[in-house]
Amino acid sequence: MKKLIASLVLLAFIVSCKTTERAPSQKKDTATTEKDTVRIANDELEYEIIIIEPGFESWLERMAKPEGYYSQEFLEARNQIYVSEWNRRVLQPSVYDPKLYEMQIDYNPSIDYGYEVNYKLYNYFIYFQLHYKQQLSGLVPRI
């Protein structure tokens, strides 16, 4: 069973090869007690991403470009850059705040995670950079 777990402050990405019980629409599933939890699942690929970050869901709804604005190829390319830098920072806790960069992200560019997973991951990286005043690449975060 493959698992991807990356947590930062109150963020957890979990990608696992297991069947999830989701409606075909695959929209976010947010419990009322966990207002700041965004869950995305892709039943066909059996991958899941969970983002727990206060303020991210409302930022995503208010500030992020709508789904479909970016191509999946664009999102995958940016996610590869951001994940690579993220993982580099995790390995340097004396240089980068280990409370922000707690665990590595296992993002495999040869796996098609689907549009929604890439969209939410990309937008989390944008939110993270703006909210925590971090820059994960030479690219200016777009919103």
N, C-alpha and C. Protein backbone atom coordinates (compact mmCIF):
# COMPACT_ATOMS: atom_id res chain seq x y z
N MET A 1 0.85 -1.17 0.00
CA MET A 1 0.00 0.00 0.00
C MET A 1 0.90 1.23 0.00
N LYS A 2 0.70 2.08 -0.98
CA LYS A 2 1.47 3.32 -1.07
C LYS A 2 0.82 4.36 -0.20
N LYS A 3 1.62 5.13 0.49
CA LYS A 3 1.07 6.23 1.28
C LYS A 3 1.94 7.45 1.13
N LEU A 4 1.30 8.56 1.07
CA LEU A 4 2.00 9.84 1.03
C LEU A 4 1.45 10.64 2.19
N ILE A 5 2.34 11.02 3.08
CA ILE A 5 1.90 11.84 4.20
C ILE A 5 2.85 13.01 4.33
N ALA A 6 2.35 14.18 4.22
CA ALA A 6 3.15 15.38 4.45
C ALA A 6 2.33 16.28 5.33
N SER A 7 2.88 16.66 6.45
CA SER A 7 2.10 17.57 7.28
C SER A 7 2.92 18.81 7.54
N LEU A 8 2.29 19.93 7.53
CA LEU A 8 2.90 21.18 7.86
C LEU A 8 1.89 21.95 8.66
N VAL A 9 2.36 22.53 9.73
CA VAL A 9 1.51 23.18 10.70
C VAL A 9 0.30 22.28 10.91
N LEU A 10 -0.78 22.52 10.25
CA LEU A 10 -1.95 21.67 10.37
C LEU A 10 -2.37 21.14 9.00
N LEU A 11 -1.40 20.72 8.20
CA LEU A 11 -1.68 20.23 6.85
C LEU A 11 -1.32 18.76 6.77
N ALA A 12 -2.16 17.99 6.13
CA ALA A 12 -1.80 16.60 5.88
C ALA A 12 -2.27 16.24 4.48
N PHE A 13 -1.33 15.79 3.67
CA PHE A 13 -1.67 15.26 2.37
C PHE A 13 -1.60 13.75 2.52
N ILE A 14 -2.63 13.06 2.16
CA ILE A 14 -2.57 11.60 2.23
C ILE A 14 -3.00 11.06 0.88
N VAL A 15 -2.10 10.37 0.24
CA VAL A 15 -2.40 9.72 -1.02
C VAL A 15 -2.22 8.25 -0.78
N SER A 16 -3.25 7.48 -0.99
CA SER A 16 -3.12 6.06 -0.74
C SER A 16 -3.84 5.25 -1.80
N CYS A 17 -3.38 4.07 -1.99
CA CYS A 17 -4.00 3.15 -2.94
C CYS A 17 -5.05 2.34 -2.21
N LYS A 18 -6.19 2.92 -2.00
CA LYS A 18 -7.28 2.21 -1.38
C LYS A 18 -8.56 2.77 -1.95
N THR A 19 -9.59 1.98 -1.98
CA THR A 19 -10.86 2.46 -2.49
C THR A 19 -11.51 3.33 -1.45
N THR A 20 -12.00 4.46 -1.89
CA THR A 20 -12.71 5.36 -1.00
C THR A 20 -14.16 5.39 -1.41
N GLU A 21 -15.04 5.57 -0.46
CA GLU A 21 -16.46 5.64 -0.77
C GLU A 21 -16.82 7.09 -1.01
N ARG A 22 -16.93 7.44 -2.28
CA ARG A 22 -17.19 8.82 -2.68
C ARG A 22 -18.28 8.82 -3.73
N ALA A 23 -18.98 9.91 -3.79
CA ALA A 23 -19.95 10.11 -4.86
C ALA A 23 -19.18 10.34 -6.15
N PRO A 24 -19.75 10.00 -7.31
CA PRO A 24 -19.04 10.17 -8.58
C PRO A 24 -18.60 11.60 -8.85
N SER A 25 -19.25 12.58 -8.27
CA SER A 25 -18.87 13.97 -8.53
C SER A 25 -17.49 14.30 -7.98
N GLN A 26 -17.05 13.58 -6.96
CA GLN A 26 -15.74 13.75 -6.36
C GLN A 26 -15.48 15.18 -5.90
N LYS A 27 -16.50 15.84 -5.37
CA LYS A 27 -16.32 17.18 -4.82
C LYS A 27 -15.76 17.06 -3.42
N LYS A 28 -15.31 18.20 -2.86
CA LYS A 28 -14.74 18.16 -1.53
C LYS A 28 -15.79 17.73 -0.52
N ASP A 29 -15.33 17.02 0.49
CA ASP A 29 -16.19 16.50 1.55
C ASP A 29 -15.68 17.11 2.85
N THR A 30 -16.46 18.01 3.44
CA THR A 30 -16.01 18.72 4.63
C THR A 30 -16.98 18.47 5.77
N ALA A 31 -16.47 17.94 6.86
CA ALA A 31 -17.29 17.72 8.05
C ALA A 31 -17.54 19.08 8.71
N THR A 32 -18.71 19.23 9.32
CA THR A 32 -19.02 20.52 9.93
C THR A 32 -18.08 20.83 11.08
N THR A 33 -17.61 19.82 11.79
CA THR A 33 -16.68 20.07 12.89
C THR A 33 -15.27 20.33 12.40
N GLU A 34 -15.00 20.01 11.15
CA GLU A 34 -13.67 20.23 10.58
C GLU A 34 -13.79 21.17 9.38
N LYS A 35 -14.24 22.37 9.63
CA LYS A 35 -14.49 23.34 8.57
C LYS A 35 -13.27 23.60 7.70
N ASP A 36 -12.10 23.49 8.27
CA ASP A 36 -10.89 23.78 7.51
C ASP A 36 -10.22 22.52 6.98
N THR A 37 -10.99 21.49 6.73
CA THR A 37 -10.47 20.26 6.13
C THR A 37 -11.03 20.12 4.73
N VAL A 38 -10.15 19.96 3.76
CA VAL A 38 -10.56 19.75 2.38
C VAL A 38 -10.14 18.34 2.01
N ARG A 39 -11.08 17.53 1.53
CA ARG A 39 -10.79 16.16 1.14
C ARG A 39 -11.14 15.99 -0.32
N ILE A 40 -10.22 15.44 -1.08
CA ILE A 40 -10.43 15.17 -2.49
C ILE A 40 -10.07 13.72 -2.74
N ALA A 41 -10.90 13.04 -3.49
CA ALA A 41 -10.59 11.65 -3.80
C ALA A 41 -10.82 11.39 -5.27
N ASN A 42 -10.04 10.50 -5.84
CA ASN A 42 -10.20 10.07 -7.21
C ASN A 42 -10.41 8.56 -7.17
N ASP A 43 -11.66 8.15 -7.26
CA ASP A 43 -11.99 6.73 -7.15
C ASP A 43 -11.36 5.89 -8.24
N GLU A 44 -11.30 6.42 -9.45
CA GLU A 44 -10.74 5.66 -10.55
C GLU A 44 -9.27 5.32 -10.31
N LEU A 45 -8.51 6.28 -9.78
CA LEU A 45 -7.09 6.08 -9.54
C LEU A 45 -6.79 5.63 -8.11
N GLU A 46 -7.83 5.67 -7.28
CA GLU A 46 -7.71 5.26 -5.88
C GLU A 46 -6.69 6.08 -5.13
N TYR A 47 -6.69 7.39 -5.34
CA TYR A 47 -5.83 8.31 -4.61
C TYR A 47 -6.68 9.30 -3.87
N GLU A 48 -6.14 9.80 -2.80
CA GLU A 48 -6.87 10.73 -1.95
C GLU A 48 -5.89 11.79 -1.43
N ILE A 49 -6.38 13.00 -1.29
CA ILE A 49 -5.58 14.07 -0.69
C ILE A 49 -6.44 14.74 0.37
N ILE A 50 -5.84 14.96 1.53
CA ILE A 50 -6.53 15.64 2.62
C ILE A 50 -5.68 16.83 3.03
N ILE A 51 -6.29 17.99 3.05
CA ILE A 51 -5.59 19.21 3.44
C ILE A 51 -6.30 19.77 4.68
N ILE A 52 -5.54 19.88 5.76
CA ILE A 52 -6.07 20.43 7.00
C ILE A 52 -5.26 21.69 7.30
N GLU A 53 -5.87 22.81 7.05
CA GLU A 53 -5.18 24.09 7.23
C GLU A 53 -6.21 25.18 7.49
N PRO A 54 -6.20 25.78 8.66
CA PRO A 54 -7.16 26.85 8.94
C PRO A 54 -7.08 27.95 7.87
N GLY A 55 -8.20 28.27 7.29
CA GLY A 55 -8.27 29.34 6.30
C GLY A 55 -8.09 28.91 4.87
N PHE A 56 -7.57 27.71 4.62
CA PHE A 56 -7.31 27.30 3.24
C PHE A 56 -8.60 27.14 2.44
N GLU A 57 -9.59 26.49 3.01
CA GLU A 57 -10.83 26.26 2.26
C GLU A 57 -11.49 27.57 1.84
N SER A 58 -11.57 28.52 2.75
CA SER A 58 -12.20 29.79 2.38
C SER A 58 -11.33 30.55 1.37
N TRP A 59 -10.01 30.47 1.52
CA TRP A 59 -9.11 31.09 0.54
C TRP A 59 -9.31 30.46 -0.83
N LEU A 60 -9.42 29.14 -0.86
CA LEU A 60 -9.61 28.42 -2.12
C LEU A 60 -10.89 28.87 -2.82
N GLU A 61 -11.94 29.03 -2.06
CA GLU A 61 -13.23 29.45 -2.63
C GLU A 61 -13.21 30.91 -3.09
N ARG A 62 -12.52 31.77 -2.35
CA ARG A 62 -12.53 33.21 -2.64
C ARG A 62 -11.45 33.66 -3.61
N MET A 63 -10.25 33.09 -3.50
CA MET A 63 -9.10 33.65 -4.19
C MET A 63 -8.57 32.82 -5.37
N ALA A 64 -8.66 31.52 -5.29
CA ALA A 64 -8.05 30.66 -6.32
C ALA A 64 -8.79 30.77 -7.65
N LYS A 65 -8.05 30.58 -8.72
CA LYS A 65 -8.68 30.51 -10.05
C LYS A 65 -9.60 29.29 -10.05
N PRO A 66 -10.68 29.34 -10.80
CA PRO A 66 -11.62 28.21 -10.80
C PRO A 66 -11.01 26.97 -11.45
N GLU A 67 -11.55 25.81 -11.08
CA GLU A 67 -11.11 24.57 -11.71
C GLU A 67 -11.30 24.71 -13.21
N GLY A 68 -10.33 24.23 -13.95
CA GLY A 68 -10.37 24.32 -15.41
C GLY A 68 -9.57 25.50 -15.94
N TYR A 69 -9.23 26.45 -15.09
CA TYR A 69 -8.46 27.62 -15.53
C TYR A 69 -7.08 27.21 -16.03
N TYR A 70 -6.41 26.35 -15.25
CA TYR A 70 -5.09 25.84 -15.64
C TYR A 70 -5.25 24.45 -16.23
N SER A 71 -4.36 24.10 -17.13
CA SER A 71 -4.36 22.74 -17.67
C SER A 71 -3.75 21.80 -16.64
N GLN A 72 -4.06 20.53 -16.77
CA GLN A 72 -3.47 19.54 -15.86
C GLN A 72 -1.96 19.50 -16.03
N GLU A 73 -1.49 19.67 -17.25
CA GLU A 73 -0.04 19.67 -17.51
C GLU A 73 0.65 20.82 -16.77
N PHE A 74 0.04 22.00 -16.78
CA PHE A 74 0.58 23.14 -16.06
C PHE A 74 0.66 22.83 -14.56
N LEU A 75 -0.44 22.31 -14.00
CA LEU A 75 -0.48 22.00 -12.58
C LEU A 75 0.56 20.95 -12.20
N GLU A 76 0.69 19.92 -13.02
CA GLU A 76 1.67 18.87 -12.74
C GLU A 76 3.09 19.43 -12.77
N ALA A 77 3.38 20.28 -13.74
CA ALA A 77 4.72 20.86 -13.85
C ALA A 77 5.04 21.72 -12.63
N ARG A 78 4.10 22.55 -12.22
CA ARG A 78 4.32 23.39 -11.05
C ARG A 78 4.42 22.55 -9.78
N ASN A 79 3.56 21.54 -9.66
CA ASN A 79 3.61 20.70 -8.47
C ASN A 79 4.95 19.98 -8.35
N GLN A 80 5.52 19.56 -9.46
CA GLN A 80 6.83 18.91 -9.43
C GLN A 80 7.88 19.87 -8.87
N ILE A 81 7.85 21.12 -9.31
CA ILE A 81 8.80 22.12 -8.84
C ILE A 81 8.60 22.36 -7.35
N TYR A 82 7.35 22.57 -6.93
CA TYR A 82 7.07 22.88 -5.54
C TYR A 82 7.39 21.70 -4.62
N VAL A 83 7.02 20.49 -5.03
CA VAL A 83 7.29 19.31 -4.21
C VAL A 83 8.79 19.10 -4.07
N SER A 84 9.53 19.28 -5.14
CA SER A 84 10.98 19.11 -5.10
C SER A 84 11.61 20.07 -4.09
N GLU A 85 11.22 21.33 -4.14
CA GLU A 85 11.76 22.32 -3.21
C GLU A 85 11.28 22.04 -1.79
N TRP A 86 10.03 21.67 -1.65
CA TRP A 86 9.46 21.32 -0.33
C TRP A 86 10.30 20.21 0.31
N ASN A 87 10.54 19.15 -0.44
CA ASN A 87 11.28 18.00 0.08
C ASN A 87 12.72 18.39 0.43
N ARG A 88 13.32 19.26 -0.37
CA ARG A 88 14.67 19.74 -0.08
C ARG A 88 14.69 20.46 1.27
N ARG A 89 13.66 21.25 1.54
CA ARG A 89 13.60 22.01 2.78
C ARG A 89 13.33 21.11 3.98
N VAL A 90 12.57 20.06 3.78
CA VAL A 90 12.32 19.10 4.87
C VAL A 90 13.64 18.50 5.34
N LEU A 91 14.54 18.26 4.41
CA LEU A 91 15.83 17.64 4.73
C LEU A 91 16.84 18.61 5.34
N GLN A 92 16.47 19.88 5.48
CA GLN A 92 17.36 20.88 6.06
C GLN A 92 16.68 21.62 7.22
N PRO A 93 16.36 20.89 8.29
CA PRO A 93 15.64 21.52 9.41
C PRO A 93 16.42 22.60 10.13
N SER A 94 17.74 22.63 9.98
CA SER A 94 18.51 23.69 10.62
C SER A 94 18.44 24.99 9.82
N VAL A 95 18.05 24.89 8.56
CA VAL A 95 17.95 26.06 7.69
C VAL A 95 16.50 26.53 7.57
N TYR A 96 15.57 25.58 7.42
CA TYR A 96 14.15 25.91 7.22
C TYR A 96 13.34 25.45 8.42
N ASP A 97 12.35 26.23 8.79
CA ASP A 97 11.53 25.95 9.95
C ASP A 97 10.90 24.56 9.89
N PRO A 98 11.30 23.65 10.77
CA PRO A 98 10.74 22.30 10.73
C PRO A 98 9.27 22.25 11.12
N LYS A 99 8.74 23.32 11.68
CA LYS A 99 7.30 23.36 11.96
C LYS A 99 6.51 23.61 10.68
N LEU A 100 7.14 24.22 9.70
CA LEU A 100 6.49 24.43 8.40
C LEU A 100 6.72 23.25 7.46
N TYR A 101 7.91 22.71 7.51
CA TYR A 101 8.31 21.64 6.59
C TYR A 101 8.58 20.37 7.40
N GLU A 102 7.51 19.69 7.78
CA GLU A 102 7.64 18.55 8.68
C GLU A 102 7.98 17.25 7.98
N MET A 103 7.29 16.94 6.91
CA MET A 103 7.47 15.64 6.28
C MET A 103 7.55 15.78 4.77
N GLN A 104 8.28 14.86 4.15
CA GLN A 104 8.40 14.86 2.70
C GLN A 104 7.08 14.49 2.03
N ILE A 105 6.94 14.94 0.79
CA ILE A 105 5.78 14.62 -0.03
C ILE A 105 6.24 13.66 -1.12
N ASP A 106 5.58 12.54 -1.23
CA ASP A 106 5.92 11.54 -2.24
C ASP A 106 5.04 11.76 -3.47
N TYR A 107 5.44 12.68 -4.30
CA TYR A 107 4.70 13.03 -5.52
C TYR A 107 5.47 12.44 -6.69
N ASN A 108 4.90 11.45 -7.33
CA ASN A 108 5.57 10.75 -8.42
C ASN A 108 5.07 11.30 -9.75
N PRO A 109 5.92 11.96 -10.53
CA PRO A 109 5.48 12.57 -11.78
C PRO A 109 5.01 11.55 -12.82
N SER A 110 5.34 10.29 -12.64
CA SER A 110 4.88 9.28 -13.60
C SER A 110 3.48 8.76 -13.29
N ILE A 111 2.90 9.20 -12.17
CA ILE A 111 1.53 8.81 -11.81
C ILE A 111 0.58 9.94 -12.17
N ASP A 112 -0.50 9.59 -12.83
CA ASP A 112 -1.54 10.57 -13.16
C ASP A 112 -2.51 10.64 -11.98
N TYR A 113 -2.36 11.65 -11.14
CA TYR A 113 -3.21 11.80 -9.97
C TYR A 113 -4.58 12.39 -10.32
N GLY A 114 -4.71 12.86 -11.54
CA GLY A 114 -5.97 13.46 -11.96
C GLY A 114 -5.97 14.96 -11.73
N TYR A 115 -6.93 15.62 -12.33
CA TYR A 115 -6.97 17.08 -12.30
C TYR A 115 -7.22 17.62 -10.90
N GLU A 116 -8.22 17.09 -10.21
CA GLU A 116 -8.63 17.67 -8.94
C GLU A 116 -7.52 17.60 -7.89
N VAL A 117 -6.84 16.48 -7.81
CA VAL A 117 -5.74 16.34 -6.85
C VAL A 117 -4.65 17.36 -7.16
N ASN A 118 -4.26 17.46 -8.44
CA ASN A 118 -3.23 18.42 -8.82
C ASN A 118 -3.68 19.86 -8.59
N TYR A 119 -4.94 20.16 -8.85
CA TYR A 119 -5.48 21.50 -8.65
C TYR A 119 -5.41 21.90 -7.18
N LYS A 120 -5.86 21.02 -6.29
CA LYS A 120 -5.87 21.34 -4.86
C LYS A 120 -4.44 21.40 -4.30
N LEU A 121 -3.57 20.52 -4.74
CA LEU A 121 -2.19 20.54 -4.28
C LEU A 121 -1.50 21.83 -4.74
N TYR A 122 -1.67 22.18 -6.00
CA TYR A 122 -1.10 23.43 -6.53
C TYR A 122 -1.59 24.63 -5.73
N ASN A 123 -2.89 24.69 -5.52
CA ASN A 123 -3.45 25.84 -4.80
C ASN A 123 -3.02 25.86 -3.34
N TYR A 124 -2.80 24.69 -2.74
CA TYR A 124 -2.27 24.71 -1.38
C TYR A 124 -0.87 25.32 -1.37
N PHE A 125 -0.04 24.95 -2.34
CA PHE A 125 1.30 25.52 -2.40
C PHE A 125 1.24 27.04 -2.57
N ILE A 126 0.31 27.53 -3.37
CA ILE A 126 0.16 28.98 -3.55
C ILE A 126 -0.27 29.61 -2.22
N TYR A 127 -1.28 29.03 -1.59
CA TYR A 127 -1.75 29.52 -0.29
C TYR A 127 -0.62 29.52 0.73
N PHE A 128 0.11 28.42 0.81
CA PHE A 128 1.22 28.29 1.75
C PHE A 128 2.26 29.39 1.55
N GLN A 129 2.63 29.63 0.30
CA GLN A 129 3.65 30.64 0.01
C GLN A 129 3.19 32.04 0.41
N LEU A 130 1.94 32.35 0.11
CA LEU A 130 1.41 33.67 0.43
C LEU A 130 1.18 33.83 1.93
N HIS A 131 0.60 32.81 2.55
CA HIS A 131 0.24 32.88 3.97
C HIS A 131 1.47 32.89 4.88
N TYR A 132 2.45 32.06 4.57
CA TYR A 132 3.63 31.94 5.43
C TYR A 132 4.84 32.72 4.90
N LYS A 133 4.61 33.50 3.85
CA LYS A 133 5.68 34.32 3.26
C LYS A 133 6.92 33.49 2.92
N GLN A 134 6.68 32.39 2.22
CA GLN A 134 7.72 31.49 1.76
C GLN A 134 7.73 31.54 0.24
N GLN A 135 8.86 31.27 -0.37
CA GLN A 135 8.90 31.17 -1.82
C GLN A 135 9.54 29.83 -2.16
N LEU A 136 8.76 28.97 -2.79
CA LEU A 136 9.22 27.62 -3.08
C LEU A 136 9.93 27.50 -4.42
N SER A 137 9.99 28.58 -5.16
CA SER A 137 10.69 28.57 -6.45
C SER A 137 10.93 30.01 -6.88
N GLY A 138 11.55 30.17 -8.03
CA GLY A 138 11.75 31.49 -8.59
C GLY A 138 10.48 32.03 -9.22
N LEU A 139 9.43 31.21 -9.22
CA LEU A 139 8.16 31.60 -9.82
C LEU A 139 7.33 32.38 -8.81
N VAL A 140 6.72 33.43 -9.25
CA VAL A 140 5.84 34.23 -8.39
C VAL A 140 4.51 33.49 -8.27
N PRO A 141 4.03 33.27 -7.04
CA PRO A 141 2.74 32.57 -6.88
C PRO A 141 1.62 33.30 -7.60
N ARG A 142 0.86 32.56 -8.41
CA ARG A 142 -0.26 33.13 -9.17
C ARG A 142 -1.58 32.86 -8.47
N ILE A 143 -2.41 33.89 -8.41
CA ILE A 143 -3.79 33.68 -7.97
C ILE A 143 -4.71 34.41 -8.89
